Amino acid sequence: MSKFYYVYVLLSEKDHKFYIGCTGDIKKRIEEHNRGKVSTTRSRRPLKLIYWEGRLNKQDAASRERYLKTTWGKRYIKSRLKQYLAGL
């Protein structure tokens, strides 16, 4: 059985900006972010999971993460979450 990898988008409830990452254990990783164990998001807590995609291998997840961090990728996220983000 293959392991899934996840590309995820967190929204900082402090500065309302995105954080994009990938992991093999999404639940554990989000807990690490919100406990301050991840230096890049420590000062931006609390963080809320607002989007995720599953991938069948680590390389695909890493590639998708890189894309979502580009200008075009950020536009994609904003278009997918248009209704949700409008309510903030």
N, C-alpha and C. Protein backbone atom coordinates (compact mmCIF):
# COMPACT_ATOMS: atom_id res chain seq x y z
N MET A 1 0.85 -1.19 0.00
CA MET A 1 0.00 0.00 0.00
C MET A 1 0.89 1.25 0.00
N SER A 2 0.56 2.19 -0.84
CA SER A 2 1.38 3.39 -0.94
C SER A 2 0.98 4.41 0.12
N LYS A 3 1.93 5.25 0.47
CA LYS A 3 1.70 6.30 1.44
C LYS A 3 1.26 7.56 0.69
N PHE A 4 0.34 8.29 1.27
CA PHE A 4 -0.10 9.54 0.68
C PHE A 4 0.74 10.69 1.24
N TYR A 5 0.90 11.70 0.42
CA TYR A 5 1.56 12.94 0.84
C TYR A 5 0.57 14.06 0.59
N TYR A 6 0.65 15.07 1.39
CA TYR A 6 -0.32 16.15 1.34
C TYR A 6 0.35 17.49 1.11
N VAL A 7 -0.26 18.27 0.25
CA VAL A 7 0.11 19.67 0.06
C VAL A 7 -1.01 20.43 0.77
N TYR A 8 -0.62 21.36 1.62
CA TYR A 8 -1.64 22.04 2.43
C TYR A 8 -1.42 23.54 2.44
N VAL A 9 -2.52 24.24 2.71
CA VAL A 9 -2.47 25.69 2.83
C VAL A 9 -3.05 26.05 4.19
N LEU A 10 -2.27 26.77 4.96
CA LEU A 10 -2.73 27.27 6.24
C LEU A 10 -2.97 28.76 6.11
N LEU A 11 -3.96 29.24 6.84
CA LEU A 11 -4.23 30.68 6.88
C LEU A 11 -3.91 31.16 8.28
N SER A 12 -3.06 32.17 8.37
CA SER A 12 -2.74 32.76 9.66
C SER A 12 -3.92 33.62 10.09
N GLU A 13 -4.44 33.35 11.27
CA GLU A 13 -5.53 34.17 11.79
C GLU A 13 -5.01 35.49 12.34
N LYS A 14 -3.69 35.60 12.42
CA LYS A 14 -3.06 36.82 12.91
C LYS A 14 -2.83 37.83 11.79
N ASP A 15 -2.20 37.38 10.69
CA ASP A 15 -1.90 38.32 9.60
C ASP A 15 -2.68 38.04 8.31
N HIS A 16 -3.52 37.01 8.32
CA HIS A 16 -4.39 36.64 7.19
C HIS A 16 -3.60 36.32 5.92
N LYS A 17 -2.40 35.78 6.08
CA LYS A 17 -1.59 35.35 4.94
C LYS A 17 -1.50 33.84 4.94
N PHE A 18 -1.17 33.30 3.76
CA PHE A 18 -1.07 31.86 3.58
C PHE A 18 0.30 31.32 3.98
N TYR A 19 0.31 30.07 4.37
CA TYR A 19 1.53 29.29 4.47
C TYR A 19 1.26 28.01 3.69
N ILE A 20 2.16 27.63 2.80
CA ILE A 20 1.98 26.45 1.96
C ILE A 20 3.10 25.46 2.28
N GLY A 21 2.73 24.20 2.48
CA GLY A 21 3.73 23.18 2.78
C GLY A 21 3.29 21.82 2.28
N CYS A 22 4.13 20.81 2.51
CA CYS A 22 3.77 19.43 2.18
C CYS A 22 4.29 18.51 3.27
N THR A 23 3.61 17.39 3.45
CA THR A 23 3.93 16.46 4.54
C THR A 23 3.34 15.09 4.27
N GLY A 24 3.84 14.12 4.97
CA GLY A 24 3.28 12.77 4.91
C GLY A 24 2.27 12.53 6.01
N ASP A 25 2.22 13.42 7.01
CA ASP A 25 1.29 13.29 8.14
C ASP A 25 0.69 14.66 8.42
N ILE A 26 -0.41 14.95 7.76
CA ILE A 26 -0.98 16.31 7.81
C ILE A 26 -1.47 16.69 9.21
N LYS A 27 -2.07 15.77 9.91
CA LYS A 27 -2.57 16.09 11.25
C LYS A 27 -1.43 16.47 12.19
N LYS A 28 -0.38 15.67 12.19
CA LYS A 28 0.78 15.95 13.04
C LYS A 28 1.44 17.27 12.66
N ARG A 29 1.56 17.53 11.36
CA ARG A 29 2.24 18.74 10.90
C ARG A 29 1.49 20.00 11.30
N ILE A 30 0.17 19.98 11.20
CA ILE A 30 -0.62 21.15 11.58
C ILE A 30 -0.51 21.38 13.08
N GLU A 31 -0.50 20.31 13.86
CA GLU A 31 -0.30 20.44 15.31
C GLU A 31 1.07 21.08 15.60
N GLU A 32 2.10 20.67 14.86
CA GLU A 32 3.43 21.26 15.04
C GLU A 32 3.41 22.75 14.74
N HIS A 33 2.73 23.13 13.67
CA HIS A 33 2.62 24.56 13.34
C HIS A 33 1.96 25.32 14.49
N ASN A 34 0.84 24.81 14.98
CA ASN A 34 0.09 25.54 15.99
C ASN A 34 0.70 25.47 17.39
N ARG A 35 1.62 24.56 17.62
CA ARG A 35 2.34 24.50 18.90
C ARG A 35 3.61 25.34 18.88
N GLY A 36 3.92 25.95 17.73
CA GLY A 36 5.11 26.79 17.63
C GLY A 36 6.38 26.01 17.34
N LYS A 37 6.26 24.77 16.88
CA LYS A 37 7.43 23.94 16.59
C LYS A 37 8.05 24.24 15.23
N VAL A 38 7.35 25.02 14.39
CA VAL A 38 7.85 25.36 13.05
C VAL A 38 8.24 26.84 13.07
N SER A 39 9.52 27.11 12.90
CA SER A 39 10.02 28.48 13.06
C SER A 39 9.39 29.47 12.09
N THR A 40 9.08 29.03 10.87
CA THR A 40 8.53 29.97 9.87
C THR A 40 7.11 30.41 10.18
N THR A 41 6.40 29.69 11.02
CA THR A 41 5.02 30.08 11.34
C THR A 41 4.80 30.39 12.82
N ARG A 42 5.84 30.28 13.61
CA ARG A 42 5.71 30.46 15.06
C ARG A 42 5.05 31.79 15.42
N SER A 43 5.47 32.87 14.78
CA SER A 43 4.95 34.20 15.12
C SER A 43 3.62 34.50 14.43
N ARG A 44 3.13 33.58 13.61
CA ARG A 44 1.90 33.83 12.84
C ARG A 44 0.72 33.03 13.36
N ARG A 45 0.87 32.38 14.51
CA ARG A 45 -0.19 31.55 15.08
C ARG A 45 -1.32 32.42 15.62
N PRO A 46 -2.54 31.88 15.66
CA PRO A 46 -2.96 30.54 15.28
C PRO A 46 -3.14 30.40 13.76
N LEU A 47 -2.99 29.16 13.31
CA LEU A 47 -3.11 28.84 11.89
C LEU A 47 -4.26 27.88 11.68
N LYS A 48 -4.93 28.04 10.56
CA LYS A 48 -6.11 27.24 10.25
C LYS A 48 -5.91 26.56 8.90
N LEU A 49 -6.15 25.26 8.85
CA LEU A 49 -6.08 24.53 7.58
C LEU A 49 -7.27 24.94 6.72
N ILE A 50 -6.99 25.47 5.53
CA ILE A 50 -8.08 25.92 4.66
C ILE A 50 -8.12 25.17 3.33
N TYR A 51 -7.05 24.42 3.02
CA TYR A 51 -7.03 23.70 1.74
C TYR A 51 -5.97 22.63 1.81
N TRP A 52 -6.25 21.48 1.19
CA TRP A 52 -5.24 20.42 1.07
C TRP A 52 -5.54 19.58 -0.15
N GLU A 53 -4.47 18.96 -0.66
CA GLU A 53 -4.56 18.03 -1.78
C GLU A 53 -3.73 16.81 -1.42
N GLY A 54 -4.22 15.64 -1.77
CA GLY A 54 -3.46 14.42 -1.57
C GLY A 54 -2.69 14.05 -2.83
N ARG A 55 -1.50 13.52 -2.65
CA ARG A 55 -0.65 13.08 -3.76
C ARG A 55 -0.15 11.67 -3.47
N LEU A 56 0.13 10.92 -4.51
CA LEU A 56 0.55 9.52 -4.35
C LEU A 56 2.03 9.35 -4.06
N ASN A 57 2.84 10.38 -4.32
CA ASN A 57 4.25 10.26 -3.96
C ASN A 57 4.82 11.62 -3.57
N LYS A 58 5.94 11.56 -2.89
CA LYS A 58 6.57 12.76 -2.32
C LYS A 58 7.00 13.75 -3.40
N GLN A 59 7.49 13.25 -4.52
CA GLN A 59 7.95 14.14 -5.59
C GLN A 59 6.79 14.96 -6.17
N ASP A 60 5.64 14.32 -6.37
CA ASP A 60 4.47 15.05 -6.87
C ASP A 60 4.02 16.12 -5.87
N ALA A 61 4.05 15.77 -4.59
CA ALA A 61 3.64 16.72 -3.56
C ALA A 61 4.60 17.92 -3.53
N ALA A 62 5.89 17.65 -3.60
CA ALA A 62 6.89 18.73 -3.57
C ALA A 62 6.75 19.63 -4.80
N SER A 63 6.48 19.04 -5.94
CA SER A 63 6.29 19.81 -7.17
C SER A 63 5.06 20.70 -7.07
N ARG A 64 3.98 20.15 -6.54
CA ARG A 64 2.75 20.92 -6.38
C ARG A 64 2.94 22.05 -5.36
N GLU A 65 3.67 21.77 -4.29
CA GLU A 65 3.96 22.81 -3.30
C GLU A 65 4.71 23.96 -3.95
N ARG A 66 5.73 23.65 -4.75
CA ARG A 66 6.50 24.71 -5.44
C ARG A 66 5.58 25.54 -6.34
N TYR A 67 4.68 24.87 -7.07
CA TYR A 67 3.76 25.60 -7.94
C TYR A 67 2.84 26.52 -7.14
N LEU A 68 2.26 26.01 -6.06
CA LEU A 68 1.32 26.82 -5.28
C LEU A 68 1.99 28.02 -4.64
N LYS A 69 3.30 27.99 -4.49
CA LYS A 69 4.03 29.13 -3.92
C LYS A 69 4.33 30.21 -4.96
N THR A 70 4.07 29.93 -6.24
CA THR A 70 4.28 30.93 -7.29
C THR A 70 3.10 31.89 -7.33
N THR A 71 3.25 32.96 -8.08
CA THR A 71 2.15 33.91 -8.25
C THR A 71 0.93 33.22 -8.84
N TRP A 72 1.15 32.36 -9.85
CA TRP A 72 0.02 31.66 -10.48
C TRP A 72 -0.62 30.69 -9.49
N GLY A 73 0.16 30.05 -8.68
CA GLY A 73 -0.36 29.11 -7.69
C GLY A 73 -1.19 29.82 -6.64
N LYS A 74 -0.73 30.97 -6.20
CA LYS A 74 -1.49 31.74 -5.20
C LYS A 74 -2.82 32.21 -5.79
N ARG A 75 -2.80 32.56 -7.06
CA ARG A 75 -4.05 32.95 -7.73
C ARG A 75 -5.01 31.76 -7.79
N TYR A 76 -4.46 30.58 -8.06
CA TYR A 76 -5.27 29.36 -8.10
C TYR A 76 -5.94 29.13 -6.75
N ILE A 77 -5.17 29.23 -5.68
CA ILE A 77 -5.73 29.03 -4.34
C ILE A 77 -6.84 30.04 -4.06
N LYS A 78 -6.57 31.30 -4.36
CA LYS A 78 -7.57 32.34 -4.11
C LYS A 78 -8.83 32.12 -4.92
N SER A 79 -8.70 31.62 -6.15
CA SER A 79 -9.90 31.36 -6.97
C SER A 79 -10.67 30.16 -6.42
N ARG A 80 -9.96 29.13 -5.96
CA ARG A 80 -10.62 27.95 -5.39
C ARG A 80 -11.35 28.26 -4.09
N LEU A 81 -10.83 29.21 -3.34
CA LEU A 81 -11.38 29.52 -2.02
C LEU A 81 -12.08 30.88 -1.99
N LYS A 82 -12.51 31.33 -3.15
CA LYS A 82 -13.09 32.66 -3.29
C LYS A 82 -14.22 32.92 -2.29
N GLN A 83 -15.17 32.02 -2.19
CA GLN A 83 -16.31 32.19 -1.29
C GLN A 83 -15.86 32.22 0.18
N TYR A 84 -14.97 31.29 0.53
CA TYR A 84 -14.48 31.23 1.91
C TYR A 84 -13.73 32.51 2.30
N LEU A 85 -12.82 32.94 1.43
CA LEU A 85 -12.01 34.11 1.73
C LEU A 85 -12.85 35.38 1.75
N ALA A 86 -13.93 35.42 1.00
CA ALA A 86 -14.81 36.60 1.00
C ALA A 86 -15.49 36.78 2.35
N GLY A 87 -15.67 35.70 3.07
CA GLY A 87 -16.33 35.77 4.36
C GLY A 87 -15.43 36.14 5.52
N LEU A 88 -14.16 36.35 5.25
CA LEU A 88 -13.22 36.68 6.34
C LEU A 88 -13.27 38.14 6.72
